[in-house]
């Protein structure tokens, strides 16, 4: 999808941005969840309440994607 959104000159830039934000989410996600657990008095079951919210947010953001759809060839 990232490659389909750009021309051949900028594939590296777009791929780098994809990996940057993917890595940042892998780093910041557990840290932010740790802050939520600490703020709630060590209630780890909040993961079951927080995760569906972020899943829904990701789904809504993906609905806004207008470019980068796969090209089907038969």
PDB file of N, CA and C in Angstrom:
ATOM      1  N   UNK A   1       0.829  -1.183   0.000  1.00  0.00           N
ATOM      2  CA  UNK A   1       0.000   0.000   0.000  1.00  0.00           C
ATOM      3  C   UNK A   1       0.875   1.248   0.000  1.00  0.00           C
ATOM      4  N   UNK A   2       1.963   1.206   0.756  1.00  0.00           N
ATOM      5  CA  UNK A   2       2.862   2.360   0.816  1.00  0.00           C
ATOM      6  C   UNK A   2       3.515   2.582  -0.541  1.00  0.00           C
ATOM      7  N   UNK A   3       3.921   1.512  -1.197  1.00  0.00           N
ATOM      8  CA  UNK A   3       4.577   1.622  -2.500  1.00  0.00           C
ATOM      9  C   UNK A   3       3.603   2.133  -3.553  1.00  0.00           C
ATOM     10  N   UNK A   4       2.352   1.743  -3.474  1.00  0.00           N
ATOM     11  CA  UNK A   4       1.350   2.184  -4.441  1.00  0.00           C
ATOM     12  C   UNK A   4       1.003   3.661  -4.310  1.00  0.00           C
ATOM     13  N   UNK A   5       1.346   4.275  -3.200  1.00  0.00           N
ATOM     14  CA  UNK A   5       0.973   5.668  -2.961  1.00  0.00           C
ATOM     15  C   UNK A   5       1.978   6.670  -3.520  1.00  0.00           C
ATOM     16  N   UNK A   6       3.088   6.206  -4.063  1.00  0.00           N
ATOM     17  CA  UNK A   6       4.131   7.130  -4.496  1.00  0.00           C
ATOM     18  C   UNK A   6       4.718   6.695  -5.833  1.00  0.00           C
ATOM     19  N   UNK A   7       5.624   7.523  -6.341  1.00  0.00           N
ATOM     20  CA  UNK A   7       6.318   7.153  -7.569  1.00  0.00           C
ATOM     21  C   UNK A   7       7.645   6.468  -7.220  1.00  0.00           C
ATOM     22  N   UNK A   8       8.364   6.045  -8.239  1.00  0.00           N
ATOM     23  CA  UNK A   8       9.594   5.281  -8.020  1.00  0.00           C
ATOM     24  C   UNK A   8      10.683   6.089  -7.320  1.00  0.00           C
ATOM     25  N   UNK A   9      10.676   7.403  -7.448  1.00  0.00           N
ATOM     26  CA  UNK A   9      11.718   8.217  -6.826  1.00  0.00           C
ATOM     27  C   UNK A   9      11.564   8.305  -5.314  1.00  0.00           C
ATOM     28  N   UNK A  10      10.379   8.120  -4.798  1.00  0.00           N
ATOM     29  CA  UNK A  10      10.134   8.336  -3.363  1.00  0.00           C
ATOM     30  C   UNK A  10       9.754   7.064  -2.612  1.00  0.00           C
ATOM     31  N   UNK A  11       9.946   5.915  -3.217  1.00  0.00           N
ATOM     32  CA  UNK A  11       9.584   4.661  -2.535  1.00  0.00           C
ATOM     33  C   UNK A  11      10.367   4.506  -1.238  1.00  0.00           C
ATOM     34  N   UNK A  12      11.646   4.825  -1.258  1.00  0.00           N
ATOM     35  CA  UNK A  12      12.471   4.708  -0.055  1.00  0.00           C
ATOM     36  C   UNK A  12      12.006   5.622   1.061  1.00  0.00           C
ATOM     37  N   UNK A  13      11.623   6.828   0.714  1.00  0.00           N
ATOM     38  CA  UNK A  13      11.147   7.792   1.716  1.00  0.00           C
ATOM     39  C   UNK A  13       9.861   7.299   2.364  1.00  0.00           C
ATOM     40  N   UNK A  14       8.922   6.856   1.551  1.00  0.00           N
ATOM     41  CA  UNK A  14       7.649   6.393   2.095  1.00  0.00           C
ATOM     42  C   UNK A  14       7.818   5.105   2.908  1.00  0.00           C
ATOM     43  N   UNK A  15       8.696   4.224   2.438  1.00  0.00           N
ATOM     44  CA  UNK A  15       8.950   3.005   3.198  1.00  0.00           C
ATOM     45  C   UNK A  15       9.612   3.334   4.525  1.00  0.00           C
ATOM     46  N   UNK A  16      10.547   4.285   4.509  1.00  0.00           N
ATOM     47  CA  UNK A  16      11.192   4.705   5.755  1.00  0.00           C
ATOM     48  C   UNK A  16      10.208   5.307   6.737  1.00  0.00           C
ATOM     49  N   UNK A  17       9.294   6.131   6.240  1.00  0.00           N
ATOM     50  CA  UNK A  17       8.272   6.707   7.124  1.00  0.00           C
ATOM     51  C   UNK A  17       7.365   5.626   7.700  1.00  0.00           C
ATOM     52  N   UNK A  18       7.030   4.631   6.888  1.00  0.00           N
ATOM     53  CA  UNK A  18       6.214   3.516   7.369  1.00  0.00           C
ATOM     54  C   UNK A  18       6.922   2.800   8.518  1.00  0.00           C
ATOM     55  N   UNK A  19       8.201   2.482   8.314  1.00  0.00           N
ATOM     56  CA  UNK A  19       8.949   1.786   9.363  1.00  0.00           C
ATOM     57  C   UNK A  19       9.150   2.667  10.593  1.00  0.00           C
ATOM     58  N   UNK A  20       9.328   3.958  10.408  1.00  0.00           N
ATOM     59  CA  UNK A  20       9.478   4.868  11.538  1.00  0.00           C
ATOM     60  C   UNK A  20       8.244   4.833  12.436  1.00  0.00           C
ATOM     61  N   UNK A  21       7.066   5.023  11.825  1.00  0.00           N
ATOM     62  CA  UNK A  21       5.848   5.061  12.637  1.00  0.00           C
ATOM     63  C   UNK A  21       5.481   3.692  13.178  1.00  0.00           C
ATOM     64  N   UNK A  22       5.809   2.642  12.449  1.00  0.00           N
ATOM     65  CA  UNK A  22       5.560   1.293  12.947  1.00  0.00           C
ATOM     66  C   UNK A  22       6.415   1.011  14.179  1.00  0.00           C
ATOM     67  N   UNK A  23       7.681   1.408  14.119  1.00  0.00           N
ATOM     68  CA  UNK A  23       8.577   1.198  15.257  1.00  0.00           C
ATOM     69  C   UNK A  23       8.191   2.086  16.438  1.00  0.00           C
ATOM     70  N   UNK A  24       7.821   3.333  16.160  1.00  0.00           N
ATOM     71  CA  UNK A  24       7.400   4.219  17.250  1.00  0.00           C
ATOM     72  C   UNK A  24       6.182   3.665  17.983  1.00  0.00           C
ATOM     73  N   UNK A  25       5.250   3.091  17.240  1.00  0.00           N
ATOM     74  CA  UNK A  25       4.072   2.528  17.909  1.00  0.00           C
ATOM     75  C   UNK A  25       4.448   1.313  18.751  1.00  0.00           C
ATOM     76  N   UNK A  26       5.413   0.521  18.273  1.00  0.00           N
ATOM     77  CA  UNK A  26       5.857  -0.646  19.050  1.00  0.00           C
ATOM     78  C   UNK A  26       6.604  -0.223  20.311  1.00  0.00           C
ATOM     79  N   UNK A  27       7.250   0.927  20.267  1.00  0.00           N
ATOM     80  CA  UNK A  27       7.978   1.424  21.439  1.00  0.00           C
ATOM     81  C   UNK A  27       7.039   2.133  22.404  1.00  0.00           C
ATOM     82  N   UNK A  28       6.188   3.017  21.892  1.00  0.00           N
ATOM     83  CA  UNK A  28       5.358   3.856  22.758  1.00  0.00           C
ATOM     84  C   UNK A  28       4.128   3.138  23.304  1.00  0.00           C
ATOM     85  N   UNK A  29       3.625   2.152  22.583  1.00  0.00           N
ATOM     86  CA  UNK A  29       2.417   1.443  23.025  1.00  0.00           C
ATOM     87  C   UNK A  29       2.544   0.837  24.410  1.00  0.00           C
ATOM     88  N   UNK A  30       3.544   0.002  24.655  1.00  0.00           N
ATOM     89  CA  UNK A  30       3.694  -0.585  25.995  1.00  0.00           C
ATOM     90  C   UNK A  30       3.976   0.458  27.083  1.00  0.00           C
ATOM     91  N   UNK A  31       4.699   1.506  26.728  1.00  0.00           N
ATOM     92  CA  UNK A  31       5.000   2.544  27.716  1.00  0.00           C
ATOM     93  C   UNK A  31       3.714   3.259  28.127  1.00  0.00           C
ATOM     94  N   UNK A  32       2.909   3.633  27.143  1.00  0.00           N
ATOM     95  CA  UNK A  32       1.645   4.320  27.463  1.00  0.00           C
ATOM     96  C   UNK A  32       0.702   3.409  28.241  1.00  0.00           C
ATOM     97  N   UNK A  33       0.660   2.137  27.863  1.00  0.00           N
ATOM     98  CA  UNK A  33      -0.188   1.215  28.610  1.00  0.00           C
ATOM     99  C   UNK A  33       0.312   1.069  30.044  1.00  0.00           C
ATOM    100  N   UNK A  34       1.617   1.080  30.242  1.00  0.00           N
ATOM    101  CA  UNK A  34       2.173   1.015  31.598  1.00  0.00           C
ATOM    102  C   UNK A  34       1.752   2.212  32.435  1.00  0.00           C
ATOM    103  N   UNK A  35       1.725   3.392  31.819  1.00  0.00           N
ATOM    104  CA  UNK A  35       1.258   4.576  32.548  1.00  0.00           C
ATOM    105  C   UNK A  35      -0.216   4.433  32.934  1.00  0.00           C
ATOM    106  N   UNK A  36      -1.020   3.879  32.042  1.00  0.00           N
ATOM    107  CA  UNK A  36      -2.449   3.683  32.339  1.00  0.00           C
ATOM    108  C   UNK A  36      -2.612   2.692  33.493  1.00  0.00           C
ATOM    109  N   UNK A  37      -1.835   1.627  33.479  1.00  0.00           N
ATOM    110  CA  UNK A  37      -1.917   0.630  34.557  1.00  0.00           C
ATOM    111  C   UNK A  37      -1.506   1.250  35.888  1.00  0.00           C
ATOM    112  N   UNK A  38      -0.436   2.022  35.891  1.00  0.00           N
ATOM    113  CA  UNK A  38      -0.006   2.666  37.129  1.00  0.00           C
ATOM    114  C   UNK A  38      -1.034   3.672  37.630  1.00  0.00           C
ATOM    115  N   UNK A  39      -1.601   4.456  36.721  1.00  0.00           N
ATOM    116  CA  UNK A  39      -2.579   5.466  37.110  1.00  0.00           C
ATOM    117  C   UNK A  39      -3.859   4.843  37.650  1.00  0.00           C
ATOM    118  N   UNK A  40      -4.162   3.616  37.226  1.00  0.00           N
ATOM    119  CA  UNK A  40      -5.390   2.963  37.681  1.00  0.00           C
ATOM    120  C   UNK A  40      -5.182   2.107  38.927  1.00  0.00           C
ATOM    121  N   UNK A  41      -4.001   2.172  39.508  1.00  0.00           N
ATOM    122  CA  UNK A  41      -3.757   1.385  40.709  1.00  0.00           C
ATOM    123  C   UNK A  41      -3.453  -0.068  40.393  1.00  0.00           C
ATOM    124  N   UNK A  42      -2.695  -0.332  39.341  1.00  0.00           N
ATOM    125  CA  UNK A  42      -2.277  -1.671  38.917  1.00  0.00           C
ATOM    126  C   UNK A  42      -3.435  -2.584  38.538  1.00  0.00           C
ATOM    127  N   UNK A  43      -4.418  -2.053  37.844  1.00  0.00           N
ATOM    128  CA  UNK A  43      -5.511  -2.863  37.305  1.00  0.00           C
ATOM    129  C   UNK A  43      -5.175  -3.224  35.860  1.00  0.00           C
ATOM    130  N   UNK A  44      -4.576  -4.392  35.688  1.00  0.00           N
ATOM    131  CA  UNK A  44      -4.132  -4.830  34.363  1.00  0.00           C
ATOM    132  C   UNK A  44      -5.296  -5.194  33.446  1.00  0.00           C
ATOM    133  N   UNK A  45      -6.448  -5.415  33.996  1.00  0.00           N
ATOM    134  CA  UNK A  45      -7.593  -5.780  33.169  1.00  0.00           C
ATOM    135  C   UNK A  45      -8.112  -4.604  32.329  1.00  0.00           C
ATOM    136  N   UNK A  46      -7.548  -3.429  32.502  1.00  0.00           N
ATOM    137  CA  UNK A  46      -7.931  -2.296  31.665  1.00  0.00           C
ATOM    138  C   UNK A  46      -7.565  -2.515  30.196  1.00  0.00           C
ATOM    139  N   UNK A  47      -6.648  -3.445  29.945  1.00  0.00           N
ATOM    140  CA  UNK A  47      -6.302  -3.759  28.558  1.00  0.00           C
ATOM    141  C   UNK A  47      -7.536  -4.183  27.775  1.00  0.00           C
ATOM    142  N   UNK A  48      -8.440  -4.885  28.429  1.00  0.00           N
ATOM    143  CA  UNK A  48      -9.660  -5.340  27.762  1.00  0.00           C
ATOM    144  C   UNK A  48     -10.626  -4.185  27.475  1.00  0.00           C
ATOM    145  N   UNK A  49     -10.478  -3.071  28.153  1.00  0.00           N
ATOM    146  CA  UNK A  49     -11.310  -1.900  27.884  1.00  0.00           C
ATOM    147  C   UNK A  49     -10.655  -0.937  26.901  1.00  0.00           C
ATOM    148  N   UNK A  50      -9.333  -0.839  26.958  1.00  0.00           N
ATOM    149  CA  UNK A  50      -8.615   0.113  26.120  1.00  0.00           C
ATOM    150  C   UNK A  50      -8.426  -0.415  24.708  1.00  0.00           C
ATOM    151  N   UNK A  51      -8.119  -1.688  24.554  1.00  0.00           N
ATOM    152  CA  UNK A  51      -7.812  -2.256  23.239  1.00  0.00           C
ATOM    153  C   UNK A  51      -8.940  -2.108  22.225  1.00  0.00           C
ATOM    154  N   UNK A  52     -10.193  -2.398  22.571  1.00  0.00           N
ATOM    155  CA  UNK A  52     -11.254  -2.205  21.568  1.00  0.00           C
ATOM    156  C   UNK A  52     -11.398  -0.755  21.111  1.00  0.00           C
ATOM    157  N   UNK A  53     -11.123   0.188  21.991  1.00  0.00           N
ATOM    158  CA  UNK A  53     -11.182   1.596  21.604  1.00  0.00           C
ATOM    159  C   UNK A  53     -10.162   1.903  20.510  1.00  0.00           C
ATOM    160  N   UNK A  54      -8.918   1.450  20.697  1.00  0.00           N
ATOM    161  CA  UNK A  54      -7.886   1.709  19.703  1.00  0.00           C
ATOM    162  C   UNK A  54      -8.110   0.898  18.433  1.00  0.00           C
ATOM    163  N   UNK A  55      -8.685  -0.276  18.543  1.00  0.00           N
ATOM    164  CA  UNK A  55      -9.029  -1.063  17.355  1.00  0.00           C
ATOM    165  C   UNK A  55     -10.078  -0.326  16.530  1.00  0.00           C
ATOM    166  N   UNK A  56     -11.066   0.225  17.176  1.00  0.00           N
ATOM    167  CA  UNK A  56     -12.097   0.995  16.484  1.00  0.00           C
ATOM    168  C   UNK A  56     -11.507   2.267  15.864  1.00  0.00           C
ATOM    169  N   UNK A  57     -10.608   2.932  16.584  1.00  0.00           N
ATOM    170  CA  UNK A  57      -9.966   4.135  16.051  1.00  0.00           C
ATOM    171  C   UNK A  57      -9.144   3.795  14.799  1.00  0.00           C
ATOM    172  N   UNK A  58      -8.423   2.688  14.821  1.00  0.00           N
ATOM    173  CA  UNK A  58      -7.646   2.277  13.652  1.00  0.00           C
ATOM    174  C   UNK A  58      -8.561   1.949  12.481  1.00  0.00           C
ATOM    175  N   UNK A  59      -9.676   1.287  12.755  1.00  0.00           N
ATOM    176  CA  UNK A  59     -10.625   0.960  11.694  1.00  0.00           C
ATOM    177  C   UNK A  59     -11.193   2.229  11.053  1.00  0.00           C
ATOM    178  N   UNK A  60     -11.548   3.201  11.871  1.00  0.00           N
ATOM    179  CA  UNK A  60     -12.094   4.456  11.349  1.00  0.00           C
ATOM    180  C   UNK A  60     -11.055   5.220  10.526  1.00  0.00           C
ATOM    181  N   UNK A  61      -9.805   5.195  10.971  1.00  0.00           N
ATOM    182  CA  UNK A  61      -8.757   5.863  10.212  1.00  0.00           C
ATOM    183  C   UNK A  61      -8.508   5.163   8.877  1.00  0.00           C
ATOM    184  N   UNK A  62      -8.608   3.844   8.849  1.00  0.00           N
ATOM    185  CA  UNK A  62      -8.402   3.117   7.596  1.00  0.00           C
ATOM    186  C   UNK A  62      -9.544   3.355   6.614  1.00  0.00           C
ATOM    187  N   UNK A  63     -10.712   3.685   7.103  1.00  0.00           N
ATOM    188  CA  UNK A  63     -11.820   4.008   6.210  1.00  0.00           C
ATOM    189  C   UNK A  63     -11.548   5.288   5.416  1.00  0.00           C
ATOM    190  N   UNK A  64     -10.702   6.146   5.951  1.00  0.00           N
ATOM    191  CA  UNK A  64     -10.396   7.413   5.297  1.00  0.00           C
ATOM    192  C   UNK A  64      -9.330   7.273   4.211  1.00  0.00           C
ATOM    193  N   UNK A  65      -8.698   6.111   4.095  1.00  0.00           N
ATOM    194  CA  UNK A  65      -7.651   5.920   3.089  1.00  0.00           C
ATOM    195  C   UNK A  65      -8.282   5.921   1.706  1.00  0.00           C
ATOM    196  N   UNK A  66      -7.782   6.784   0.828  1.00  0.00           N
ATOM    197  CA  UNK A  66      -8.337   6.923  -0.509  1.00  0.00           C
ATOM    198  C   UNK A  66      -7.437   6.358  -1.596  1.00  0.00           C
ATOM    199  N   UNK A  67      -6.148   6.187  -1.296  1.00  0.00           N
ATOM    200  CA  UNK A  67      -5.215   5.718  -2.317  1.00  0.00           C
ATOM    201  C   UNK A  67      -4.490   4.497  -1.803  1.00  0.00           C
ATOM    202  N   UNK A  68      -3.818   3.799  -2.718  1.00  0.00           N
ATOM    203  CA  UNK A  68      -2.978   2.677  -2.317  1.00  0.00           C
ATOM    204  C   UNK A  68      -3.699   1.347  -2.327  1.00  0.00           C
ATOM    205  N   UNK A  69      -4.851   1.259  -2.962  1.00  0.00           N
ATOM    206  CA  UNK A  69      -5.552  -0.018  -3.031  1.00  0.00           C
ATOM    207  C   UNK A  69      -4.776  -0.952  -3.944  1.00  0.00           C
ATOM    208  N   UNK A  70      -4.850  -2.231  -3.661  1.00  0.00           N
ATOM    209  CA  UNK A  70      -4.140  -3.230  -4.449  1.00  0.00           C
ATOM    210  C   UNK A  70      -4.723  -3.298  -5.854  1.00  0.00           C
ATOM    211  N   UNK A  71      -3.854  -3.490  -6.837  1.00  0.00           N
ATOM    212  CA  UNK A  71      -4.264  -3.646  -8.216  1.00  0.00           C
ATOM    213  C   UNK A  71      -4.433  -5.140  -8.487  1.00  0.00           C
ATOM    214  N   UNK A  72      -5.617  -5.551  -8.872  1.00  0.00           N
ATOM    215  CA  UNK A  72      -5.903  -6.961  -9.101  1.00  0.00           C
ATOM    216  C   UNK A  72      -5.636  -7.294 -10.551  1.00  0.00           C
ATOM    217  N   UNK A  73      -4.780  -8.276 -10.762  1.00  0.00           N
ATOM    218  CA  UNK A  73      -4.529  -8.765 -12.129  1.00  0.00           C
ATOM    219  C   UNK A  73      -4.879 -10.228 -12.186  1.00  0.00           C
ATOM    220  N   UNK A  74      -5.528 -10.618 -13.249  1.00  0.00           N
ATOM    221  CA  UNK A  74      -5.939 -12.011 -13.399  1.00  0.00           C
ATOM    222  C   UNK A  74      -5.099 -12.733 -14.400  1.00  0.00           C
TER     223      UNK A  74
END
